Amino acid sequence: MKNFFKVASLFFLGLIFVVACKKETPLPTVSFTATVKEGVVTFTAEVTNATKYEWDFGDGSYINTLHSPVHTYVQAGTATPVVVSLTIKGPGGEVTVKNTITIPPKSKLQYLTGGTAAAPSSKSWRLSASAPSFSINYATATFAPNYKTYPGGILAAVGLSAVYGDTFEFKSDGSLIIHPNGGGIFAGYVYCALNAKPNAGNAGGSGLTYATPFTSPTGATFQINEGKNFTITTAPDAVHAADVTYSNVMTLSFTNGGFLGIMDWSSECIIEQLTDTQMVADLFISAVPPPYQVGKPNFVLHVYFEAVQ
C-alpha cells in the first residue's frame, strides 16, 4: 500500500509539472511592416514562438505561408486601402494581427506602357477603326467650332485603310518604336509635299495622306506631362497666327522624330483620356499650303486609339 501511494504521488507530481510547463509556454508575438512600390508590396514579419505563418493579403488571393512574402496587387485608377492579416501559430497558441495598407493608383506610365521603370514593359497602340467618331476641329483655345465629324473608320473610305494597321509602341524606359505595318505612316499632305516625302495623295481633299516608305526614327523618346500649361502657336483661319495655351492638360512630348498618330510639323499632343485599353488624343495638323501660315496648326484631329491585344 505504501508503494502504491509513492507511485501515485510521483504520477501526480509529474502531471502537475507537465501542466505547469504547458502553462508557461507563451503565446506567439507578431507584428509586420509593408513596403509598397507601385502595386508590389514586400511584407516583413517580426515574430516569436512561431511555427506557422498564414498571410491573408485582403484581395481574395491565396493564403501565403512564407515569413516575408512579396505580393503584387492589381492597381486601380484611385488609391485602394487593403486590410492585410497575419496569423501566427505556435506551441503556445495562435495570434492574428491586421494592418491596413494603401495601394497607389496606376500611373499614366503604367496605362500607356503596361509597366514601370522598375518593372519594364511595353504596349502598342493604333488608331481605332471602330471608334465612335473621327473629328476635325479648328485649333482654337476651345477646339471650336467643329469643322467636320466622321465615323471612326472614315480613313478606310478615303483610301487610307493602312493607317489602322500602323502601331506605336511605348516602352516604360521612355523609348518609342513606330511600326509602319502598312508600309508607311499617317501624315499631313502639306507636310509631305513641302518636305519632299512620297505619299499616297491628298485623300478625298482632306489634307490627310499616307507617307510611304516610312522608317521608325532612331532613338525616339516620349515624355508624359501631367497638369501642363501647354502653349502652341496656331492659325485657325490659316492667316493669323497666335499663341494658344491649353491649361492643366496632359500631353505627350517627343524627341528624335517621335510622334503619335500623325506625322506633321507639331508632334506634342494633348491626351484627353487614357485607360488600359483606350486613349483619346488631340493631334495638331497644318493643312494649308503657301502663302498661308505653313507649319502652324489650323486643325486638331480628335481621335481614338486602342491598345493592341
C-alpha atoms as a PDB file:
ATOM      1  CA  MET A   1       0.000   0.000   0.000  1.00  0.00           C
ATOM      2  CA  LYS A   2       2.907   2.281   0.889  1.00  0.00           C
ATOM      3  CA  ASN A   3       4.393   1.649  -2.540  1.00  0.00           C
ATOM      4  CA  PHE A   4       1.066   2.467  -4.182  1.00  0.00           C
ATOM      5  CA  PHE A   5       0.908   5.913  -2.575  1.00  0.00           C
ATOM      6  CA  LYS A   6       4.511   6.540  -3.521  1.00  0.00           C
ATOM      7  CA  VAL A   7       3.793   5.740  -7.188  1.00  0.00           C
ATOM      8  CA  ALA A   8       0.603   7.782  -7.143  1.00  0.00           C
ATOM      9  CA  SER A   9       2.399  10.752  -5.646  1.00  0.00           C
ATOM     10  CA  LEU A  10       5.075  10.617  -8.291  1.00  0.00           C
ATOM     11  CA  PHE A  11       2.404  10.428 -11.022  1.00  0.00           C
ATOM     12  CA  PHE A  12       0.567  13.495  -9.779  1.00  0.00           C
ATOM     13  CA  LEU A  13       3.789  15.409  -9.326  1.00  0.00           C
ATOM     14  CA  GLY A  14       4.668  14.616 -12.942  1.00  0.00           C
ATOM     15  CA  LEU A  15       1.231  15.668 -14.107  1.00  0.00           C
ATOM     16  CA  ILE A  16       1.494  18.957 -12.252  1.00  0.00           C
ATOM     17  CA  PHE A  17       4.921  19.505 -13.801  1.00  0.00           C
ATOM     18  CA  VAL A  18       3.581  18.878 -17.334  1.00  0.00           C
ATOM     19  CA  VAL A  19       0.616  21.203 -16.807  1.00  0.00           C
ATOM     20  CA  ALA A  20       2.876  23.852 -15.359  1.00  0.00           C
ATOM     21  CA  CYS A  21       5.209  23.605 -18.343  1.00  0.00           C
ATOM     22  CA  LYS A  22       2.308  23.913 -20.749  1.00  0.00           C
ATOM     23  CA  LYS A  23       1.004  26.977 -18.967  1.00  0.00           C
ATOM     24  CA  GLU A  24       4.436  28.527 -19.112  1.00  0.00           C
ATOM     25  CA  THR A  25       4.647  28.184 -22.945  1.00  0.00           C
ATOM     26  CA  PRO A  26       3.988  31.760 -24.090  1.00  0.00           C
ATOM     27  CA  LEU A  27       1.730  32.871 -26.913  1.00  0.00           C
ATOM     28  CA  PRO A  28       3.448  33.949 -30.107  1.00  0.00           C
ATOM     29  CA  THR A  29       4.063  37.668 -30.577  1.00  0.00           C
ATOM     30  CA  VAL A  30       3.719  39.210 -34.003  1.00  0.00           C
ATOM     31  CA  SER A  31       3.935  42.476 -35.922  1.00  0.00           C
ATOM     32  CA  PHE A  32       4.673  43.225 -39.550  1.00  0.00           C
ATOM     33  CA  THR A  33       5.612  46.056 -41.864  1.00  0.00           C
ATOM     34  CA  ALA A  34       4.880  46.609 -45.550  1.00  0.00           C
ATOM     35  CA  THR A  35       6.979  48.346 -48.190  1.00  0.00           C
ATOM     36  CA  VAL A  36       4.810  49.486 -51.098  1.00  0.00           C
ATOM     37  CA  LYS A  37       6.271  50.155 -54.552  1.00  0.00           C
ATOM     38  CA  GLU A  38       3.547  50.735 -57.122  1.00  0.00           C
ATOM     39  CA  GLY A  39       1.478  47.531 -56.948  1.00  0.00           C
ATOM     40  CA  VAL A  40       4.249  45.371 -55.481  1.00  0.00           C
ATOM     41  CA  VAL A  41       4.306  45.049 -51.682  1.00  0.00           C
ATOM     42  CA  THR A  42       7.080  43.434 -49.633  1.00  0.00           C
ATOM     43  CA  PHE A  43       5.964  42.238 -46.183  1.00  0.00           C
ATOM     44  CA  THR A  44       8.345  41.679 -43.269  1.00  0.00           C
ATOM     45  CA  ALA A  45       7.204  39.903 -40.092  1.00  0.00           C
ATOM     46  CA  GLU A  46       8.654  40.252 -36.585  1.00  0.00           C
ATOM     47  CA  VAL A  47       7.556  37.199 -34.535  1.00  0.00           C
ATOM     48  CA  THR A  48       8.438  34.990 -31.584  1.00  0.00           C
ATOM     49  CA  ASN A  49       7.395  31.451 -30.641  1.00  0.00           C
ATOM     50  CA  ALA A  50       6.094  30.751 -34.139  1.00  0.00           C
ATOM     51  CA  THR A  51       5.923  27.555 -36.127  1.00  0.00           C
ATOM     52  CA  LYS A  52       3.492  28.583 -38.894  1.00  0.00           C
ATOM     53  CA  TYR A  53       2.641  31.779 -40.809  1.00  0.00           C
ATOM     54  CA  GLU A  54      -0.638  32.472 -42.581  1.00  0.00           C
ATOM     55  CA  TRP A  55      -0.894  35.711 -44.603  1.00  0.00           C
ATOM     56  CA  ASP A  56      -4.237  36.943 -45.933  1.00  0.00           C
ATOM     57  CA  PHE A  57      -3.470  39.761 -48.369  1.00  0.00           C
ATOM     58  CA  GLY A  58      -7.044  41.076 -48.353  1.00  0.00           C
ATOM     59  CA  ASP A  59      -7.632  40.791 -52.098  1.00  0.00           C
ATOM     60  CA  GLY A  60      -9.122  37.309 -52.304  1.00  0.00           C
ATOM     61  CA  SER A  61      -5.848  35.659 -53.276  1.00  0.00           C
ATOM     62  CA  TYR A  62      -4.316  32.502 -51.790  1.00  0.00           C
ATOM     63  CA  ILE A  63      -3.079  32.183 -48.194  1.00  0.00           C
ATOM     64  CA  ASN A  64       0.693  32.620 -48.117  1.00  0.00           C
ATOM     65  CA  THR A  65       2.852  30.796 -45.545  1.00  0.00           C
ATOM     66  CA  LEU A  66       6.209  32.492 -46.087  1.00  0.00           C
ATOM     67  CA  HIS A  67       7.963  34.571 -43.447  1.00  0.00           C
ATOM     68  CA  SER A  68       8.432  37.683 -45.635  1.00  0.00           C
ATOM     69  CA  PRO A  69       6.361  37.334 -48.809  1.00  0.00           C
ATOM     70  CA  VAL A  70       6.195  39.685 -51.802  1.00  0.00           C
ATOM     71  CA  HIS A  71       2.721  40.204 -53.243  1.00  0.00           C
ATOM     72  CA  THR A  72       1.526  42.050 -56.358  1.00  0.00           C
ATOM     73  CA  TYR A  73      -1.810  43.846 -56.207  1.00  0.00           C
ATOM     74  CA  VAL A  74      -3.972  44.886 -59.143  1.00  0.00           C
ATOM     75  CA  GLN A  75      -3.866  48.674 -59.216  1.00  0.00           C
ATOM     76  CA  ALA A  76      -6.983  50.719 -59.896  1.00  0.00           C
ATOM     77  CA  GLY A  77      -7.452  54.302 -61.033  1.00  0.00           C
ATOM     78  CA  THR A  78      -7.569  55.536 -57.435  1.00  0.00           C
ATOM     79  CA  ALA A  79      -5.684  54.708 -54.229  1.00  0.00           C
ATOM     80  CA  THR A  80      -7.065  51.490 -52.707  1.00  0.00           C
ATOM     81  CA  PRO A  81      -6.935  50.600 -48.985  1.00  0.00           C
ATOM     82  CA  VAL A  82      -6.442  46.879 -48.259  1.00  0.00           C
ATOM     83  CA  VAL A  83      -6.657  45.107 -44.880  1.00  0.00           C
ATOM     84  CA  VAL A  84      -3.864  42.525 -44.528  1.00  0.00           C
ATOM     85  CA  SER A  85      -3.853  39.967 -41.708  1.00  0.00           C
ATOM     86  CA  LEU A  86      -1.085  37.698 -40.431  1.00  0.00           C
ATOM     87  CA  THR A  87      -1.910  34.717 -38.220  1.00  0.00           C
ATOM     88  CA  ILE A  88       0.968  33.155 -36.282  1.00  0.00           C
ATOM     89  CA  LYS A  89       0.642  29.669 -34.808  1.00  0.00           C
ATOM     90  CA  GLY A  90       2.999  28.199 -32.233  1.00  0.00           C
ATOM     91  CA  PRO A  91       3.177  25.788 -29.250  1.00  0.00           C
ATOM     92  CA  GLY A  92       1.520  28.402 -27.030  1.00  0.00           C
ATOM     93  CA  GLY A  93      -1.440  29.104 -29.347  1.00  0.00           C
ATOM     94  CA  GLU A  94      -2.135  31.489 -32.209  1.00  0.00           C
ATOM     95  CA  VAL A  95      -2.296  35.251 -32.624  1.00  0.00           C
ATOM     96  CA  THR A  96      -3.629  37.375 -35.504  1.00  0.00           C
ATOM     97  CA  VAL A  97      -2.707  40.966 -36.296  1.00  0.00           C
ATOM     98  CA  LYS A  98      -4.149  43.213 -39.025  1.00  0.00           C
ATOM     99  CA  ASN A  99      -2.775  46.283 -40.777  1.00  0.00           C
ATOM    100  CA  THR A 100      -4.283  48.496 -43.477  1.00  0.00           C
ATOM    101  CA  ILE A 101      -2.037  49.357 -46.409  1.00  0.00           C
ATOM    102  CA  THR A 102      -2.808  51.628 -49.338  1.00  0.00           C
ATOM    103  CA  ILE A 103      -2.120  50.543 -52.903  1.00  0.00           C
ATOM    104  CA  PRO A 104      -1.325  53.635 -55.015  1.00  0.00           C
ATOM    105  CA  PRO A 105      -3.312  54.334 -58.175  1.00  0.00           C
ATOM    106  CA  LYS A 106      -1.997  53.167 -61.502  1.00  0.00           C
ATOM    107  CA  SER A 107       0.249  55.821 -63.049  1.00  0.00           C
ATOM    108  CA  LYS A 108      -0.165  57.244 -66.543  1.00  0.00           C
ATOM    109  CA  LEU A 109       3.096  55.500 -67.480  1.00  0.00           C
ATOM    110  CA  GLN A 110       1.552  52.168 -66.486  1.00  0.00           C
ATOM    111  CA  TYR A 111      -1.574  52.839 -68.552  1.00  0.00           C
ATOM    112  CA  LEU A 112       0.492  53.891 -71.565  1.00  0.00           C
ATOM    113  CA  THR A 113       3.226  51.246 -71.444  1.00  0.00           C
ATOM    114  CA  GLY A 114       1.888  48.468 -69.229  1.00  0.00           C
ATOM    115  CA  GLY A 115       4.927  48.747 -66.952  1.00  0.00           C
ATOM    116  CA  THR A 116       7.187  50.989 -64.909  1.00  0.00           C
ATOM    117  CA  ALA A 117      10.870  51.852 -64.849  1.00  0.00           C
ATOM    118  CA  ALA A 118      11.286  49.242 -62.084  1.00  0.00           C
ATOM    119  CA  ALA A 119       9.188  46.625 -63.885  1.00  0.00           C
ATOM    120  CA  PRO A 120       9.800  47.295 -67.610  1.00  0.00           C
ATOM    121  CA  SER A 121       7.172  46.541 -70.216  1.00  0.00           C
ATOM    122  CA  SER A 122       5.738  47.965 -73.432  1.00  0.00           C
ATOM    123  CA  LYS A 123       2.346  48.457 -75.019  1.00  0.00           C
ATOM    124  CA  SER A 124       1.361  49.174 -78.616  1.00  0.00           C
ATOM    125  CA  TRP A 125      -1.450  51.487 -79.713  1.00  0.00           C
ATOM    126  CA  ARG A 126      -3.185  52.053 -83.042  1.00  0.00           C
ATOM    127  CA  LEU A 127      -5.861  54.321 -84.429  1.00  0.00           C
ATOM    128  CA  SER A 128      -9.227  52.696 -83.813  1.00  0.00           C
ATOM    129  CA  ALA A 129     -11.285  51.864 -86.891  1.00  0.00           C
ATOM    130  CA  SER A 130     -14.268  51.136 -84.637  1.00  0.00           C
ATOM    131  CA  ALA A 131     -14.110  54.428 -82.725  1.00  0.00           C
ATOM    132  CA  PRO A 132     -17.362  56.371 -82.238  1.00  0.00           C
ATOM    133  CA  SER A 133     -16.045  59.270 -84.334  1.00  0.00           C
ATOM    134  CA  PHE A 134     -13.149  60.926 -86.144  1.00  0.00           C
ATOM    135  CA  SER A 135     -13.416  64.680 -85.621  1.00  0.00           C
ATOM    136  CA  ILE A 136     -11.600  67.591 -87.239  1.00  0.00           C
ATOM    137  CA  ASN A 137     -11.783  70.786 -85.161  1.00  0.00           C
ATOM    138  CA  TYR A 138     -10.248  74.214 -85.522  1.00  0.00           C
ATOM    139  CA  ALA A 139      -7.076  74.764 -83.488  1.00  0.00           C
ATOM    140  CA  THR A 140      -8.635  77.347 -81.191  1.00  0.00           C
ATOM    141  CA  ALA A 141      -8.435  77.516 -77.400  1.00  0.00           C
ATOM    142  CA  THR A 142     -11.670  75.505 -77.160  1.00  0.00           C
ATOM    143  CA  PHE A 143     -11.262  73.356 -80.316  1.00  0.00           C
ATOM    144  CA  ALA A 144     -14.379  75.059 -81.606  1.00  0.00           C
ATOM    145  CA  PRO A 145     -16.042  75.281 -83.955  1.00  0.00           C
ATOM    146  CA  ASN A 146     -16.071  71.740 -85.247  1.00  0.00           C
ATOM    147  CA  TYR A 147     -15.003  71.528 -88.884  1.00  0.00           C
ATOM    148  CA  LYS A 148     -16.294  68.043 -89.632  1.00  0.00           C
ATOM    149  CA  THR A 149     -17.080  64.847 -87.743  1.00  0.00           C
ATOM    150  CA  TYR A 150     -16.933  61.484 -89.474  1.00  0.00           C
ATOM    151  CA  PRO A 151     -17.473  57.859 -88.442  1.00  0.00           C
ATOM    152  CA  GLY A 152     -14.441  56.337 -86.716  1.00  0.00           C
ATOM    153  CA  GLY A 153     -13.475  54.229 -89.748  1.00  0.00           C
ATOM    154  CA  ILE A 154     -13.663  57.076 -92.276  1.00  0.00           C
ATOM    155  CA  LEU A 155      -9.991  56.821 -93.276  1.00  0.00           C
ATOM    156  CA  ALA A 156     -10.612  53.488 -94.962  1.00  0.00           C
ATOM    157  CA  ALA A 157     -13.294  55.142 -97.107  1.00  0.00           C
ATOM    158  CA  VAL A 158     -10.822  57.737 -98.434  1.00  0.00           C
ATOM    159  CA  GLY A 159      -8.094  55.254 -99.342  1.00  0.00           C
ATOM    160  CA  LEU A 160      -6.156  55.336 -96.071  1.00  0.00           C
ATOM    161  CA  SER A 161      -7.093  51.948 -94.610  1.00  0.00           C
ATOM    162  CA  ALA A 162      -3.392  51.155 -93.998  1.00  0.00           C
ATOM    163  CA  VAL A 163      -3.410  53.815 -91.256  1.00  0.00           C
ATOM    164  CA  TYR A 164      -5.305  51.473 -88.943  1.00  0.00           C
ATOM    165  CA  GLY A 165      -2.579  48.844 -89.138  1.00  0.00           C
ATOM    166  CA  ASP A 166       0.338  51.025 -88.057  1.00  0.00           C
ATOM    167  CA  THR A 167       1.221  50.844 -84.363  1.00  0.00           C
ATOM    168  CA  PHE A 168       3.015  52.998 -81.816  1.00  0.00           C
ATOM    169  CA  GLU A 169       4.927  51.001 -79.215  1.00  0.00           C
ATOM    170  CA  PHE A 170       5.561  52.873 -75.969  1.00  0.00           C
ATOM    171  CA  LYS A 171       8.157  51.380 -73.635  1.00  0.00           C
ATOM    172  CA  SER A 172       8.371  52.111 -69.920  1.00  0.00           C
ATOM    173  CA  ASP A 173      12.011  53.179 -70.302  1.00  0.00           C
ATOM    174  CA  GLY A 174      10.763  56.206 -72.276  1.00  0.00           C
ATOM    175  CA  SER A 175      11.564  54.941 -75.762  1.00  0.00           C
ATOM    176  CA  LEU A 176       9.175  54.774 -78.707  1.00  0.00           C
ATOM    177  CA  ILE A 177       9.114  52.497 -81.737  1.00  0.00           C
ATOM    178  CA  ILE A 178       6.752  53.230 -84.629  1.00  0.00           C
ATOM    179  CA  HIS A 179       5.798  50.168 -86.659  1.00  0.00           C
ATOM    180  CA  PRO A 180       4.703  51.020 -90.244  1.00  0.00           C
ATOM    181  CA  ASN A 181       2.822  47.762 -90.692  1.00  0.00           C
ATOM    182  CA  GLY A 182       1.095  49.136 -93.773  1.00  0.00           C
ATOM    183  CA  GLY A 183       4.429  50.179 -95.276  1.00  0.00           C
ATOM    184  CA  GLY A 184       4.076  53.867 -94.437  1.00  0.00           C
ATOM    185  CA  ILE A 185       2.591  56.245 -91.898  1.00  0.00           C
ATOM    186  CA  PHE A 186      -0.391  58.599 -91.494  1.00  0.00           C
ATOM    187  CA  ALA A 187       0.701  62.154 -92.316  1.00  0.00           C
ATOM    188  CA  GLY A 188      -0.362  65.645 -93.318  1.00  0.00           C
ATOM    189  CA  TYR A 189      -0.483  66.168 -97.070  1.00  0.00           C
ATOM    190  CA  VAL A 190       1.029  69.675 -96.969  1.00  0.00           C
ATOM    191  CA  TYR A 191       3.806  68.484 -94.649  1.00  0.00           C
ATOM    192  CA  CYS A 192       4.748  65.709 -97.077  1.00  0.00           C
ATOM    193  CA  ALA A 193       4.503  67.953-100.151  1.00  0.00           C
ATOM    194  CA  LEU A 194       6.770  70.639 -98.693  1.00  0.00           C
ATOM    195  CA  ASN A 195       9.290  68.170 -97.254  1.00  0.00           C
ATOM    196  CA  ALA A 196       9.563  66.001-100.392  1.00  0.00           C
ATOM    197  CA  LYS A 197       8.107  62.917 -98.729  1.00  0.00           C
ATOM    198  CA  PRO A 198       6.421  60.481-101.151  1.00  0.00           C
ATOM    199  CA  ASN A 199       2.777  59.959-100.216  1.00  0.00           C
ATOM    200  CA  ALA A 200      -0.492  58.470-101.349  1.00  0.00           C
ATOM    201  CA  GLY A 201      -2.009  61.823-102.269  1.00  0.00           C
ATOM    202  CA  ASN A 202      -4.468  64.232-100.733  1.00  0.00           C
ATOM    203  CA  ALA A 203      -7.089  61.628 -99.863  1.00  0.00           C
ATOM    204  CA  GLY A 204     -10.545  62.944-100.587  1.00  0.00           C
ATOM    205  CA  GLY A 205      -9.229  66.515-100.493  1.00  0.00           C
ATOM    206  CA  SER A 206      -8.944  66.140 -96.717  1.00  0.00           C
ATOM    207  CA  GLY A 207      -5.365  67.337 -96.302  1.00  0.00           C
ATOM    208  CA  LEU A 208      -4.528  63.877 -94.939  1.00  0.00           C
ATOM    209  CA  THR A 209      -2.266  61.365 -96.629  1.00  0.00           C
ATOM    210  CA  TYR A 210      -0.204  58.212 -96.209  1.00  0.00           C
ATOM    211  CA  ALA A 211       3.559  58.705 -96.438  1.00  0.00           C
ATOM    212  CA  THR A 212       5.444  55.744 -97.819  1.00  0.00           C
ATOM    213  CA  PRO A 213       8.009  54.428 -97.299  1.00  0.00           C
ATOM    214  CA  PHE A 214       8.483  55.215 -93.623  1.00  0.00           C
ATOM    215  CA  THR A 215      11.206  54.109 -91.224  1.00  0.00           C
ATOM    216  CA  SER A 216      10.829  54.421 -87.485  1.00  0.00           C
ATOM    217  CA  PRO A 217      13.098  57.233 -86.237  1.00  0.00           C
ATOM    218  CA  THR A 218      16.177  56.054 -84.377  1.00  0.00           C
ATOM    219  CA  GLY A 219      16.289  56.858 -80.686  1.00  0.00           C
ATOM    220  CA  ALA A 220      12.788  58.334 -80.489  1.00  0.00           C
ATOM    221  CA  THR A 221      11.643  59.054 -76.942  1.00  0.00           C
ATOM    222  CA  PHE A 222       8.484  60.318 -75.280  1.00  0.00           C
ATOM    223  CA  GLN A 223       7.592  62.105 -72.073  1.00  0.00           C
ATOM    224  CA  ILE A 224       4.285  62.267 -70.201  1.00  0.00           C
ATOM    225  CA  ASN A 225       3.492  65.756 -68.950  1.00  0.00           C
ATOM    226  CA  GLU A 226       0.630  65.953 -66.446  1.00  0.00           C
ATOM    227  CA  GLY A 227      -1.016  69.214 -65.354  1.00  0.00           C
ATOM    228  CA  LYS A 228       0.828  71.159 -68.033  1.00  0.00           C
ATOM    229  CA  ASN A 229       0.012  74.614 -69.350  1.00  0.00           C
ATOM    230  CA  PHE A 230       0.688  73.763 -72.979  1.00  0.00           C
ATOM    231  CA  THR A 231       1.332  76.704 -75.322  1.00  0.00           C
ATOM    232  CA  ILE A 232       1.432  76.282 -79.085  1.00  0.00           C
ATOM    233  CA  THR A 233       1.269  78.766 -81.968  1.00  0.00           C
ATOM    234  CA  THR A 234      -1.789  78.064 -84.111  1.00  0.00           C
ATOM    235  CA  ALA A 235      -3.525  79.705 -87.082  1.00  0.00           C
ATOM    236  CA  PRO A 236      -7.162  78.537 -87.115  1.00  0.00           C
ATOM    237  CA  ASP A 237      -8.046  80.820 -90.016  1.00  0.00           C
ATOM    238  CA  ALA A 238      -4.743  79.945 -91.771  1.00  0.00           C
ATOM    239  CA  VAL A 239      -3.872  83.657 -91.916  1.00  0.00           C
ATOM    240  CA  HIS A 240      -3.418  84.998 -88.404  1.00  0.00           C
ATOM    241  CA  ALA A 241      -1.065  83.112 -86.080  1.00  0.00           C
ATOM    242  CA  ALA A 242      -1.086  83.476 -82.299  1.00  0.00           C
ATOM    243  CA  ASP A 243      -0.127  81.552 -79.199  1.00  0.00           C
ATOM    244  CA  VAL A 244      -2.835  79.431 -77.594  1.00  0.00           C
ATOM    245  CA  THR A 245      -2.431  77.987 -74.102  1.00  0.00           C
ATOM    246  CA  TYR A 246      -4.264  74.853 -73.004  1.00  0.00           C
ATOM    247  CA  SER A 247      -4.236  74.940 -69.213  1.00  0.00           C
ATOM    248  CA  ASN A 248      -3.737  71.972 -66.907  1.00  0.00           C
ATOM    249  CA  VAL A 249      -3.711  69.304 -69.601  1.00  0.00           C
ATOM    250  CA  MET A 250      -1.816  66.064 -70.083  1.00  0.00           C
ATOM    251  CA  THR A 251       0.451  65.971 -73.108  1.00  0.00           C
ATOM    252  CA  LEU A 252       2.859  63.602 -74.782  1.00  0.00           C
ATOM    253  CA  SER A 253       6.019  65.290 -75.995  1.00  0.00           C
ATOM    254  CA  PHE A 254       8.672  63.625 -78.145  1.00  0.00           C
ATOM    255  CA  THR A 255      12.321  63.816 -79.150  1.00  0.00           C
ATOM    256  CA  ASN A 256      14.356  62.480 -82.085  1.00  0.00           C
ATOM    257  CA  GLY A 257      11.473  62.402 -84.544  1.00  0.00           C
ATOM    258  CA  GLY A 258       8.895  60.679 -82.375  1.00  0.00           C
ATOM    259  CA  PHE A 259       5.173  61.403 -82.636  1.00  0.00           C
ATOM    260  CA  LEU A 260       1.792  59.831 -82.022  1.00  0.00           C
ATOM    261  CA  GLY A 261      -0.707  59.085 -84.773  1.00  0.00           C
ATOM    262  CA  ILE A 262       0.181  61.536 -87.496  1.00  0.00           C
ATOM    263  CA  MET A 263       3.449  62.923 -88.867  1.00  0.00           C
ATOM    264  CA  ASP A 264       3.288  66.714 -89.176  1.00  0.00           C
ATOM    265  CA  TRP A 265       5.110  69.866 -88.025  1.00  0.00           C
ATOM    266  CA  SER A 266       3.752  69.570 -84.487  1.00  0.00           C
ATOM    267  CA  SER A 267       4.451  66.386 -82.550  1.00  0.00           C
ATOM    268  CA  GLU A 268       3.373  67.255 -78.994  1.00  0.00           C
ATOM    269  CA  CYS A 269      -0.247  66.312 -78.497  1.00  0.00           C
ATOM    270  CA  ILE A 270      -2.912  66.531 -75.815  1.00  0.00           C
ATOM    271  CA  ILE A 271      -4.182  63.317 -74.198  1.00  0.00           C
ATOM    272  CA  GLU A 272      -7.764  63.745 -73.015  1.00  0.00           C
ATOM    273  CA  GLN A 273      -8.312  60.207 -71.785  1.00  0.00           C
ATOM    274  CA  LEU A 274      -6.065  57.238 -71.044  1.00  0.00           C
ATOM    275  CA  THR A 275      -7.160  53.826 -69.772  1.00  0.00           C
ATOM    276  CA  ASP A 276      -5.786  50.311 -70.096  1.00  0.00           C
ATOM    277  CA  THR A 277      -7.484  49.860 -73.463  1.00  0.00           C
ATOM    278  CA  GLN A 278      -8.312  53.307 -74.886  1.00  0.00           C
ATOM    279  CA  MET A 279      -6.579  56.619 -75.467  1.00  0.00           C
ATOM    280  CA  VAL A 280      -8.239  59.798 -76.763  1.00  0.00           C
ATOM    281  CA  ALA A 281      -5.858  62.349 -78.244  1.00  0.00           C
ATOM    282  CA  ASP A 282      -5.880  65.785 -79.858  1.00  0.00           C
ATOM    283  CA  LEU A 283      -3.339  65.856 -82.699  1.00  0.00           C
ATOM    284  CA  PHE A 284      -2.340  69.175 -84.284  1.00  0.00           C
ATOM    285  CA  ILE A 285      -2.049  69.469 -88.066  1.00  0.00           C
ATOM    286  CA  SER A 286      -1.258  72.229 -90.554  1.00  0.00           C
ATOM    287  CA  ALA A 287      -3.349  71.627 -93.660  1.00  0.00           C
ATOM    288  CA  VAL A 288      -2.783  74.854 -95.602  1.00  0.00           C
ATOM    289  CA  PRO A 289      -0.186  75.419 -98.360  1.00  0.00           C
ATOM    290  CA  PRO A 290       1.830  78.611 -99.008  1.00  0.00           C
ATOM    291  CA  PRO A 291       1.382  81.548 -98.837  1.00  0.00           C
ATOM    292  CA  TYR A 292      -0.678  80.849 -95.727  1.00  0.00           C
ATOM    293  CA  GLN A 293       0.655  80.095 -92.205  1.00  0.00           C
ATOM    294  CA  VAL A 294       2.541  76.951 -93.126  1.00  0.00           C
ATOM    295  CA  GLY A 295       3.648  74.785 -90.225  1.00  0.00           C
ATOM    296  CA  LYS A 296       1.318  76.425 -87.717  1.00  0.00           C
ATOM    297  CA  PRO A 297      -1.625  74.125 -86.988  1.00  0.00           C
ATOM    298  CA  ASN A 298      -5.014  75.242 -88.169  1.00  0.00           C
ATOM    299  CA  PHE A 299      -6.775  71.953 -87.359  1.00  0.00           C
ATOM    300  CA  VAL A 300      -6.859  69.474 -84.499  1.00  0.00           C
ATOM    301  CA  LEU A 301      -7.749  65.823 -85.050  1.00  0.00           C
ATOM    302  CA  HIS A 302      -9.770  64.449 -82.130  1.00  0.00           C
ATOM    303  CA  VAL A 303      -9.108  60.710 -82.452  1.00  0.00           C
ATOM    304  CA  TYR A 304      -9.340  57.435 -80.579  1.00  0.00           C
ATOM    305  CA  PHE A 305      -6.549  54.909 -80.164  1.00  0.00           C
ATOM    306  CA  GLU A 306      -6.934  51.332 -78.975  1.00  0.00           C
ATOM    307  CA  ALA A 307      -4.420  49.112 -77.231  1.00  0.00           C
ATOM    308  CA  VAL A 308      -3.218  46.261 -79.436  1.00  0.00           C
ATOM    309  CA  GLN A 309      -4.095  42.986 -77.754  1.00  0.00           C
END
